[in-house]
PDB file of N, CA and C in Angstrom:
ATOM      1  N   UNK A   1     -16.859  23.928  -0.981  1.00  0.00           N
ATOM      2  CA  UNK A   1     -18.176  23.670  -1.316  1.00  0.00           C
ATOM      3  C   UNK A   1     -18.409  23.045   0.023  1.00  0.00           C
ATOM      4  N   UNK A   2     -19.752  23.420   0.405  1.00  0.00           N
ATOM      5  CA  UNK A   2     -20.192  22.846   1.402  1.00  0.00           C
ATOM      6  C   UNK A   2     -21.439  21.862   0.940  1.00  0.00           C
ATOM      7  N   UNK A   3     -20.953  21.056   1.415  1.00  0.00           N
ATOM      8  CA  UNK A   3     -22.564  19.575   1.552  1.00  0.00           C
ATOM      9  C   UNK A   3     -22.712  19.111   3.318  1.00  0.00           C
ATOM     10  N   UNK A   4     -24.613  18.941   3.668  1.00  0.00           N
ATOM     11  CA  UNK A   4     -24.323  18.818   4.909  1.00  0.00           C
ATOM     12  C   UNK A   4     -25.287  16.871   3.992  1.00  0.00           C
ATOM     13  N   UNK A   5     -24.663  16.053   4.929  1.00  0.00           N
ATOM     14  CA  UNK A   5     -24.795  14.598   4.592  1.00  0.00           C
ATOM     15  C   UNK A   5     -24.646  14.285   6.286  1.00  0.00           C
ATOM     16  N   UNK A   6     -25.215  12.560   6.378  1.00  0.00           N
ATOM     17  CA  UNK A   6     -25.166  12.418   7.417  1.00  0.00           C
ATOM     18  C   UNK A   6     -24.158  10.992   7.166  1.00  0.00           C
ATOM     19  N   UNK A   7     -23.463  10.620   7.900  1.00  0.00           N
ATOM     20  CA  UNK A   7     -22.547   9.137   7.653  1.00  0.00           C
ATOM     21  C   UNK A   7     -22.322   8.512   8.878  1.00  0.00           C
ATOM     22  N   UNK A   8     -23.189   7.096   8.888  1.00  0.00           N
ATOM     23  CA  UNK A   8     -22.533   6.668  10.587  1.00  0.00           C
ATOM     24  C   UNK A   8     -20.992   5.765   9.975  1.00  0.00           C
ATOM     25  N   UNK A   9     -20.125   5.406  10.887  1.00  0.00           N
ATOM     26  CA  UNK A   9     -18.516   5.174  10.725  1.00  0.00           C
ATOM     27  C   UNK A   9     -18.074   4.319  11.866  1.00  0.00           C
ATOM     28  N   UNK A  10     -17.972   2.444  11.975  1.00  0.00           N
ATOM     29  CA  UNK A  10     -17.826   1.808  12.588  1.00  0.00           C
ATOM     30  C   UNK A  10     -16.251   1.151  12.593  1.00  0.00           C
ATOM     31  N   UNK A  11     -15.845   1.959  13.255  1.00  0.00           N
ATOM     32  CA  UNK A  11     -14.462   1.292  13.135  1.00  0.00           C
ATOM     33  C   UNK A  11     -13.982   0.130  14.062  1.00  0.00           C
ATOM     34  N   UNK A  12     -13.417  -1.114  14.015  1.00  0.00           N
ATOM     35  CA  UNK A  12     -13.910  -2.595  14.682  1.00  0.00           C
ATOM     36  C   UNK A  12     -12.645  -2.746  14.827  1.00  0.00           C
ATOM     37  N   UNK A  13     -12.413  -3.524  15.711  1.00  0.00           N
ATOM     38  CA  UNK A  13     -11.173  -3.783  16.349  1.00  0.00           C
ATOM     39  C   UNK A  13     -11.376  -5.636  16.834  1.00  0.00           C
ATOM     40  N   UNK A  14     -11.883  -6.560  15.739  1.00  0.00           N
ATOM     41  CA  UNK A  14     -12.499  -7.708  16.004  1.00  0.00           C
ATOM     42  C   UNK A  14     -11.191  -8.954  15.760  1.00  0.00           C
ATOM     43  N   UNK A  15     -11.209 -10.161  17.254  1.00  0.00           N
ATOM     44  CA  UNK A  15     -10.726 -10.643  17.359  1.00  0.00           C
ATOM     45  C   UNK A  15     -10.399 -11.771  16.305  1.00  0.00           C
ATOM     46  N   UNK A  16     -11.286 -11.749  15.355  1.00  0.00           N
ATOM     47  CA  UNK A  16     -11.336 -12.773  14.292  1.00  0.00           C
ATOM     48  C   UNK A  16     -10.345 -12.528  12.607  1.00  0.00           C
ATOM     49  N   UNK A  17      -9.424 -11.153  13.203  1.00  0.00           N
ATOM     50  CA  UNK A  17      -9.108 -10.387  11.859  1.00  0.00           C
ATOM     51  C   UNK A  17      -7.326 -10.169  12.609  1.00  0.00           C
ATOM     52  N   UNK A  18      -6.628 -10.544  10.922  1.00  0.00           N
ATOM     53  CA  UNK A  18      -5.812 -10.373  10.893  1.00  0.00           C
ATOM     54  C   UNK A  18      -5.356  -8.349  11.170  1.00  0.00           C
ATOM     55  N   UNK A  19      -5.768  -8.068  10.648  1.00  0.00           N
ATOM     56  CA  UNK A  19      -5.313  -6.290  10.726  1.00  0.00           C
ATOM     57  C   UNK A  19      -5.846  -5.971  12.103  1.00  0.00           C
ATOM     58  N   UNK A  20      -4.969  -5.123  12.903  1.00  0.00           N
ATOM     59  CA  UNK A  20      -6.173  -4.357  14.100  1.00  0.00           C
ATOM     60  C   UNK A  20      -7.010  -3.987  13.869  1.00  0.00           C
ATOM     61  N   UNK A  21      -7.202  -2.981  12.852  1.00  0.00           N
ATOM     62  CA  UNK A  21      -8.819  -2.675  13.025  1.00  0.00           C
ATOM     63  C   UNK A  21      -9.747  -2.686  11.171  1.00  0.00           C
ATOM     64  N   UNK A  22     -10.616  -2.593  11.522  1.00  0.00           N
ATOM     65  CA  UNK A  22     -11.518  -2.635  10.140  1.00  0.00           C
ATOM     66  C   UNK A  22     -12.819  -2.498  10.361  1.00  0.00           C
ATOM     67  N   UNK A  23     -12.669  -1.642   8.701  1.00  0.00           N
ATOM     68  CA  UNK A  23     -14.357  -0.891   8.736  1.00  0.00           C
ATOM     69  C   UNK A  23     -15.047  -1.284   7.263  1.00  0.00           C
ATOM     70  N   UNK A  24     -16.422  -1.742   7.227  1.00  0.00           N
ATOM     71  CA  UNK A  24     -16.843  -1.471   6.044  1.00  0.00           C
ATOM     72  C   UNK A  24     -17.476  -0.477   5.749  1.00  0.00           C
ATOM     73  N   UNK A  25     -17.713  -0.057   4.249  1.00  0.00           N
ATOM     74  CA  UNK A  25     -17.805   1.027   4.069  1.00  0.00           C
ATOM     75  C   UNK A  25     -19.405   0.545   3.433  1.00  0.00           C
ATOM     76  N   UNK A  26     -20.472   1.254   4.143  1.00  0.00           N
ATOM     77  CA  UNK A  26     -21.855   0.296   3.567  1.00  0.00           C
ATOM     78  C   UNK A  26     -22.454   0.525   2.195  1.00  0.00           C
ATOM     79  N   UNK A  27     -21.590   2.022   1.684  1.00  0.00           N
ATOM     80  CA  UNK A  27     -21.649   2.548   0.441  1.00  0.00           C
ATOM     81  C   UNK A  27     -21.479   1.733  -0.480  1.00  0.00           C
ATOM     82  N   UNK A  28     -20.199   1.517  -0.528  1.00  0.00           N
ATOM     83  CA  UNK A  28     -20.324   0.889  -1.607  1.00  0.00           C
ATOM     84  C   UNK A  28     -19.021  -1.032  -1.028  1.00  0.00           C
ATOM     85  N   UNK A  29     -19.880  -1.582   0.025  1.00  0.00           N
ATOM     86  CA  UNK A  29     -19.497  -2.633   0.367  1.00  0.00           C
ATOM     87  C   UNK A  29     -18.296  -3.297   0.061  1.00  0.00           C
ATOM     88  N   UNK A  30     -16.952  -2.382   0.451  1.00  0.00           N
ATOM     89  CA  UNK A  30     -15.559  -2.169   0.775  1.00  0.00           C
ATOM     90  C   UNK A  30     -14.953  -2.673   1.745  1.00  0.00           C
ATOM     91  N   UNK A  31     -14.465  -3.375   2.036  1.00  0.00           N
ATOM     92  CA  UNK A  31     -13.438  -3.862   3.330  1.00  0.00           C
ATOM     93  C   UNK A  31     -12.163  -2.895   3.390  1.00  0.00           C
ATOM     94  N   UNK A  32     -11.963  -2.014   4.268  1.00  0.00           N
ATOM     95  CA  UNK A  32     -10.951  -1.506   4.683  1.00  0.00           C
ATOM     96  C   UNK A  32     -10.462  -2.144   5.931  1.00  0.00           C
ATOM     97  N   UNK A  33      -9.098  -2.607   5.964  1.00  0.00           N
ATOM     98  CA  UNK A  33      -7.951  -2.901   6.921  1.00  0.00           C
ATOM     99  C   UNK A  33      -7.048  -1.593   7.575  1.00  0.00           C
ATOM    100  N   UNK A  34      -6.400  -1.793   8.528  1.00  0.00           N
ATOM    101  CA  UNK A  34      -5.386  -0.590   8.702  1.00  0.00           C
ATOM    102  C   UNK A  34      -5.256  -0.656  10.352  1.00  0.00           C
ATOM    103  N   UNK A  35      -4.671   0.615  10.717  1.00  0.00           N
ATOM    104  CA  UNK A  35      -4.173   0.614  12.294  1.00  0.00           C
ATOM    105  C   UNK A  35      -4.463   1.990  12.953  1.00  0.00           C
ATOM    106  N   UNK A  36      -4.086   1.875  14.249  1.00  0.00           N
ATOM    107  CA  UNK A  36      -4.294   3.094  14.486  1.00  0.00           C
ATOM    108  C   UNK A  36      -3.072   4.248  14.823  1.00  0.00           C
ATOM    109  N   UNK A  37      -2.718   5.313  14.901  1.00  0.00           N
ATOM    110  CA  UNK A  37      -1.739   5.685  15.554  1.00  0.00           C
ATOM    111  C   UNK A  37      -1.712   5.707  17.031  1.00  0.00           C
ATOM    112  N   UNK A  38      -0.402   5.756  17.784  1.00  0.00           N
ATOM    113  CA  UNK A  38      -0.171   5.963  19.336  1.00  0.00           C
ATOM    114  C   UNK A  38      -1.072   6.626  20.141  1.00  0.00           C
ATOM    115  N   UNK A  39      -0.803   8.166  19.234  1.00  0.00           N
ATOM    116  CA  UNK A  39      -2.327   8.787  20.191  1.00  0.00           C
ATOM    117  C   UNK A  39      -3.617   8.902  20.112  1.00  0.00           C
ATOM    118  N   UNK A  40      -4.101   7.667  19.510  1.00  0.00           N
ATOM    119  CA  UNK A  40      -5.527   6.402  18.931  1.00  0.00           C
ATOM    120  C   UNK A  40      -6.513   7.691  18.459  1.00  0.00           C
ATOM    121  N   UNK A  41      -5.800   8.518  17.654  1.00  0.00           N
ATOM    122  CA  UNK A  41      -6.890   9.745  17.824  1.00  0.00           C
ATOM    123  C   UNK A  41      -6.533   9.362  15.530  1.00  0.00           C
ATOM    124  N   UNK A  42      -5.940   9.222  14.987  1.00  0.00           N
ATOM    125  CA  UNK A  42      -5.621   8.871  13.752  1.00  0.00           C
ATOM    126  C   UNK A  42      -5.638   7.571  12.948  1.00  0.00           C
ATOM    127  N   UNK A  43      -6.701   7.156  12.584  1.00  0.00           N
ATOM    128  CA  UNK A  43      -6.723   5.859  12.263  1.00  0.00           C
ATOM    129  C   UNK A  43      -6.085   5.837  10.634  1.00  0.00           C
ATOM    130  N   UNK A  44      -5.699   5.086  10.408  1.00  0.00           N
ATOM    131  CA  UNK A  44      -5.487   4.751   8.365  1.00  0.00           C
ATOM    132  C   UNK A  44      -5.705   3.572   8.010  1.00  0.00           C
ATOM    133  N   UNK A  45      -6.564   3.593   6.971  1.00  0.00           N
ATOM    134  CA  UNK A  45      -7.159   2.443   6.607  1.00  0.00           C
ATOM    135  C   UNK A  45      -6.930   2.566   5.385  1.00  0.00           C
ATOM    136  N   UNK A  46      -7.183   1.206   4.643  1.00  0.00           N
ATOM    137  CA  UNK A  46      -6.565   0.866   3.346  1.00  0.00           C
ATOM    138  C   UNK A  46      -7.481  -0.589   2.671  1.00  0.00           C
ATOM    139  N   UNK A  47      -7.959   0.091   1.534  1.00  0.00           N
ATOM    140  CA  UNK A  47      -8.830  -0.955   0.433  1.00  0.00           C
ATOM    141  C   UNK A  47      -8.246  -0.669  -1.119  1.00  0.00           C
ATOM    142  N   UNK A  48      -8.270  -1.522  -1.951  1.00  0.00           N
ATOM    143  CA  UNK A  48      -8.612  -1.528  -3.087  1.00  0.00           C
ATOM    144  C   UNK A  48      -9.970  -1.717  -4.009  1.00  0.00           C
ATOM    145  N   UNK A  49      -9.945  -0.390  -5.333  1.00  0.00           N
ATOM    146  CA  UNK A  49     -11.526  -0.584  -5.861  1.00  0.00           C
ATOM    147  C   UNK A  49      -9.973   0.046  -7.021  1.00  0.00           C
ATOM    148  N   UNK A  50     -11.846   0.553  -7.666  1.00  0.00           N
ATOM    149  CA  UNK A  50     -11.392   0.851  -9.081  1.00  0.00           C
ATOM    150  C   UNK A  50     -10.880   2.263  -9.363  1.00  0.00           C
ATOM    151  N   UNK A  51      -9.905   2.405  -9.612  1.00  0.00           N
ATOM    152  CA  UNK A  51      -9.673   4.181 -10.102  1.00  0.00           C
ATOM    153  C   UNK A  51     -10.707   4.220 -11.299  1.00  0.00           C
ATOM    154  N   UNK A  52     -11.020   5.725 -10.049  1.00  0.00           N
ATOM    155  CA  UNK A  52     -12.356   6.702 -11.513  1.00  0.00           C
ATOM    156  C   UNK A  52     -12.034   7.034 -13.135  1.00  0.00           C
ATOM    157  N   UNK A  53     -11.181   6.978 -13.089  1.00  0.00           N
ATOM    158  CA  UNK A  53     -10.625   7.125 -14.266  1.00  0.00           C
ATOM    159  C   UNK A  53     -10.436   6.122 -15.332  1.00  0.00           C
ATOM    160  N   UNK A  54      -9.419   5.507 -14.952  1.00  0.00           N
ATOM    161  CA  UNK A  54      -9.132   4.024 -15.852  1.00  0.00           C
ATOM    162  C   UNK A  54     -10.013   3.062 -15.567  1.00  0.00           C
ATOM    163  N   UNK A  55     -10.764   2.727 -14.282  1.00  0.00           N
ATOM    164  CA  UNK A  55     -11.361   1.680 -13.971  1.00  0.00           C
ATOM    165  C   UNK A  55     -10.591   0.010 -13.363  1.00  0.00           C
ATOM    166  N   UNK A  56      -8.843   0.541 -13.340  1.00  0.00           N
ATOM    167  CA  UNK A  56      -8.338  -0.607 -13.463  1.00  0.00           C
ATOM    168  C   UNK A  56      -8.026  -0.604 -11.507  1.00  0.00           C
ATOM    169  N   UNK A  57      -8.243  -1.466 -10.637  1.00  0.00           N
ATOM    170  CA  UNK A  57      -7.667  -1.204  -9.199  1.00  0.00           C
ATOM    171  C   UNK A  57      -7.026  -1.183  -8.974  1.00  0.00           C
ATOM    172  N   UNK A  58      -6.899  -0.444  -8.155  1.00  0.00           N
ATOM    173  CA  UNK A  58      -5.852   0.449  -7.329  1.00  0.00           C
ATOM    174  C   UNK A  58      -5.897   0.712  -5.241  1.00  0.00           C
ATOM    175  N   UNK A  59      -4.432   0.901  -5.196  1.00  0.00           N
ATOM    176  CA  UNK A  59      -4.506   0.425  -2.818  1.00  0.00           C
ATOM    177  C   UNK A  59      -5.020   2.048  -3.093  1.00  0.00           C
ATOM    178  N   UNK A  60      -6.152   2.337  -1.870  1.00  0.00           N
ATOM    179  CA  UNK A  60      -6.629   3.295  -1.366  1.00  0.00           C
ATOM    180  C   UNK A  60      -6.290   3.164  -0.384  1.00  0.00           C
ATOM    181  N   UNK A  61      -6.160   4.815  -0.134  1.00  0.00           N
ATOM    182  CA  UNK A  61      -6.040   5.619   2.255  1.00  0.00           C
ATOM    183  C   UNK A  61      -6.594   6.360   2.161  1.00  0.00           C
ATOM    184  N   UNK A  62      -7.585   6.103   3.821  1.00  0.00           N
ATOM    185  CA  UNK A  62      -8.140   7.218   4.233  1.00  0.00           C
ATOM    186  C   UNK A  62      -7.210   7.147   5.370  1.00  0.00           C
ATOM    187  N   UNK A  63      -7.100   8.828   5.303  1.00  0.00           N
ATOM    188  CA  UNK A  63      -6.552   8.814   6.814  1.00  0.00           C
ATOM    189  C   UNK A  63      -7.372  10.125   7.340  1.00  0.00           C
ATOM    190  N   UNK A  64      -7.747   9.449   8.802  1.00  0.00           N
ATOM    191  CA  UNK A  64      -9.061  10.442   9.183  1.00  0.00           C
ATOM    192  C   UNK A  64      -7.937  10.932  10.587  1.00  0.00           C
ATOM    193  N   UNK A  65      -8.683  12.518  10.727  1.00  0.00           N
ATOM    194  CA  UNK A  65      -7.561  12.790  12.064  1.00  0.00           C
ATOM    195  C   UNK A  65      -8.755  13.729  12.981  1.00  0.00           C
ATOM    196  N   UNK A  66      -8.792  12.471  14.033  1.00  0.00           N
ATOM    197  CA  UNK A  66      -9.947  13.024  15.139  1.00  0.00           C
ATOM    198  C   UNK A  66      -9.363  14.152  15.899  1.00  0.00           C
ATOM    199  N   UNK A  67      -9.856  15.363  15.246  1.00  0.00           N
ATOM    200  CA  UNK A  67      -9.498  16.883  16.550  1.00  0.00           C
ATOM    201  C   UNK A  67     -10.305  17.067  17.346  1.00  0.00           C
ATOM    202  N   UNK A  68     -11.168  16.501  17.797  1.00  0.00           N
ATOM    203  CA  UNK A  68     -11.745  16.726  19.161  1.00  0.00           C
ATOM    204  C   UNK A  68     -13.457  15.525  18.505  1.00  0.00           C
ATOM    205  N   UNK A  69     -14.020  16.173  19.705  1.00  0.00           N
ATOM    206  CA  UNK A  69     -15.572  14.931  19.560  1.00  0.00           C
ATOM    207  C   UNK A  69     -16.475  16.086  18.772  1.00  0.00           C
ATOM    208  N   UNK A  70     -16.351  17.156  17.889  1.00  0.00           N
ATOM    209  CA  UNK A  70     -17.203  17.229  17.164  1.00  0.00           C
ATOM    210  C   UNK A  70     -16.098  17.579  16.029  1.00  0.00           C
ATOM    211  N   UNK A  71     -15.252  17.197  15.434  1.00  0.00           N
ATOM    212  CA  UNK A  71     -14.168  18.000  14.190  1.00  0.00           C
ATOM    213  C   UNK A  71     -13.532  17.124  14.104  1.00  0.00           C
ATOM    214  N   UNK A  72     -13.280  16.239  12.764  1.00  0.00           N
ATOM    215  CA  UNK A  72     -12.389  15.349  11.811  1.00  0.00           C
ATOM    216  C   UNK A  72     -11.807  15.693  10.560  1.00  0.00           C
ATOM    217  N   UNK A  73     -10.919  15.226  10.267  1.00  0.00           N
ATOM    218  CA  UNK A  73     -10.452  15.959   8.690  1.00  0.00           C
ATOM    219  C   UNK A  73     -10.092  14.432   8.139  1.00  0.00           C
ATOM    220  N   UNK A  74     -10.953  14.101   6.905  1.00  0.00           N
ATOM    221  CA  UNK A  74     -10.360  13.255   6.351  1.00  0.00           C
ATOM    222  C   UNK A  74      -9.707  13.406   4.976  1.00  0.00           C
ATOM    223  N   UNK A  75      -7.989  12.744   4.605  1.00  0.00           N
ATOM    224  CA  UNK A  75      -7.352  12.805   3.669  1.00  0.00           C
ATOM    225  C   UNK A  75      -7.627  11.430   2.540  1.00  0.00           C
ATOM    226  N   UNK A  76      -7.736  11.891   1.732  1.00  0.00           N
ATOM    227  CA  UNK A  76      -8.146  10.358   0.987  1.00  0.00           C
ATOM    228  C   UNK A  76      -7.080  10.555  -0.467  1.00  0.00           C
ATOM    229  N   UNK A  77      -6.420   9.256  -0.199  1.00  0.00           N
ATOM    230  CA  UNK A  77      -5.224   8.926  -1.528  1.00  0.00           C
ATOM    231  C   UNK A  77      -5.570   7.743  -2.426  1.00  0.00           C
ATOM    232  N   UNK A  78      -4.706   7.632  -3.557  1.00  0.00           N
ATOM    233  CA  UNK A  78      -5.053   6.728  -4.156  1.00  0.00           C
ATOM    234  C   UNK A  78      -3.148   6.025  -4.636  1.00  0.00           C
ATOM    235  N   UNK A  79      -2.903   5.086  -4.771  1.00  0.00           N
ATOM    236  CA  UNK A  79      -1.587   4.976  -4.826  1.00  0.00           C
ATOM    237  C   UNK A  79      -1.346   4.869  -6.624  1.00  0.00           C
ATOM    238  N   UNK A  80      -0.401   5.458  -7.447  1.00  0.00           N
ATOM    239  CA  UNK A  80      -0.135   5.958  -8.257  1.00  0.00           C
ATOM    240  C   UNK A  80       0.464   4.413  -9.419  1.00  0.00           C
ATOM    241  N   UNK A  81       1.067   4.651 -10.144  1.00  0.00           N
ATOM    242  CA  UNK A  81       2.127   3.501 -10.343  1.00  0.00           C
ATOM    243  C   UNK A  81       3.523   3.611 -10.131  1.00  0.00           C
ATOM    244  N   UNK A  82       3.681   4.401  -9.966  1.00  0.00           N
ATOM    245  CA  UNK A  82       5.227   4.774  -9.168  1.00  0.00           C
ATOM    246  C   UNK A  82       4.984   3.947  -8.037  1.00  0.00           C
ATOM    247  N   UNK A  83       3.823   4.112  -7.465  1.00  0.00           N
ATOM    248  CA  UNK A  83       3.873   3.349  -5.883  1.00  0.00           C
ATOM    249  C   UNK A  83       4.089   4.606  -4.882  1.00  0.00           C
ATOM    250  N   UNK A  84       3.618   5.727  -5.244  1.00  0.00           N
ATOM    251  CA  UNK A  84       3.871   6.826  -4.485  1.00  0.00           C
ATOM    252  C   UNK A  84       2.506   7.297  -4.549  1.00  0.00           C
ATOM    253  N   UNK A  85       1.828   7.773  -3.108  1.00  0.00           N
ATOM    254  CA  UNK A  85       0.408   8.265  -2.432  1.00  0.00           C
ATOM    255  C   UNK A  85       0.189   9.484  -3.110  1.00  0.00           C
ATOM    256  N   UNK A  86      -0.898   9.393  -4.167  1.00  0.00           N
ATOM    257  CA  UNK A  86      -1.641  10.578  -4.811  1.00  0.00           C
ATOM    258  C   UNK A  86      -2.541  11.327  -4.087  1.00  0.00           C
ATOM    259  N   UNK A  87      -2.992  12.910  -3.089  1.00  0.00           N
ATOM    260  CA  UNK A  87      -4.087  12.729  -2.527  1.00  0.00           C
ATOM    261  C   UNK A  87      -5.249  13.102  -3.543  1.00  0.00           C
ATOM    262  N   UNK A  88      -6.035  12.447  -3.653  1.00  0.00           N
ATOM    263  CA  UNK A  88      -7.115  13.624  -4.475  1.00  0.00           C
ATOM    264  C   UNK A  88      -8.351  14.106  -3.541  1.00  0.00           C
ATOM    265  N   UNK A  89      -8.612  13.520  -2.300  1.00  0.00           N
ATOM    266  CA  UNK A  89      -9.861  14.447  -1.869  1.00  0.00           C
ATOM    267  C   UNK A  89      -9.067  15.062   0.042  1.00  0.00           C
ATOM    268  N   UNK A  90      -9.513  15.832   0.342  1.00  0.00           N
ATOM    269  CA  UNK A  90      -9.750  16.142   2.180  1.00  0.00           C
ATOM    270  C   UNK A  90     -10.885  16.691   2.676  1.00  0.00           C
ATOM    271  N   UNK A  91     -11.392  16.205   3.729  1.00  0.00           N
ATOM    272  CA  UNK A  91     -12.472  16.473   4.147  1.00  0.00           C
ATOM    273  C   UNK A  91     -12.580  17.027   5.032  1.00  0.00           C
ATOM    274  N   UNK A  92     -13.314  17.679   5.796  1.00  0.00           N
ATOM    275  CA  UNK A  92     -13.422  18.276   6.970  1.00  0.00           C
ATOM    276  C   UNK A  92     -14.669  18.086   7.752  1.00  0.00           C
ATOM    277  N   UNK A  93     -15.147  17.385   8.594  1.00  0.00           N
ATOM    278  CA  UNK A  93     -16.021  17.389   9.057  1.00  0.00           C
ATOM    279  C   UNK A  93     -16.659  18.105  10.380  1.00  0.00           C
ATOM    280  N   UNK A  94     -18.001  18.630  10.868  1.00  0.00           N
ATOM    281  CA  UNK A  94     -18.238  19.375  11.783  1.00  0.00           C
ATOM    282  C   UNK A  94     -19.536  18.607  12.544  1.00  0.00           C
ATOM    283  N   UNK A  95     -19.648  18.226  13.278  1.00  0.00           N
ATOM    284  CA  UNK A  95     -21.092  17.439  13.890  1.00  0.00           C
ATOM    285  C   UNK A  95     -21.931  18.725  14.362  1.00  0.00           C
ATOM    286  N   UNK A  96     -22.927  18.141  13.809  1.00  0.00           N
ATOM    287  CA  UNK A  96     -24.442  19.479  13.697  1.00  0.00           C
ATOM    288  C   UNK A  96     -24.880  19.123  14.973  1.00  0.00           C
ATOM    289  N   UNK A  97     -25.031  20.453  15.997  1.00  0.00           N
ATOM    290  CA  UNK A  97     -24.970  20.116  17.236  1.00  0.00           C
ATOM    291  C   UNK A  97     -26.929  20.950  17.234  1.00  0.00           C
TER     292      UNK A  97
END
C-alpha cells in the first residue's frame, strides 16, 4: 500500500536526560528514548504504550535505518509476554522531490 503523508520527526540529544537520545511523538504525545549505532545512521527508540488489541501497556521499539538523505526504513516491534520482540510494521519512506 502506498500512502502519501507528511511527518516531522526530531530526534534530540538533550543534556538534561539520562538517555542519549529523545523523541516526542506529537501525534500520540508519547516519549521515546534510545540510542544511535556507531555509524550514526540507525537510531533505536523505545517507549511504552497500549497494545492495539489487549489495551495492556507494552514496551515498543522503532528502529530507523537512514539509507541516504532521501530514503529510510522504519521497523516497529513490541515486546511479547515471552520477552521477545515481535515486528508488526516495516515502513519505507522516500522524500518527495
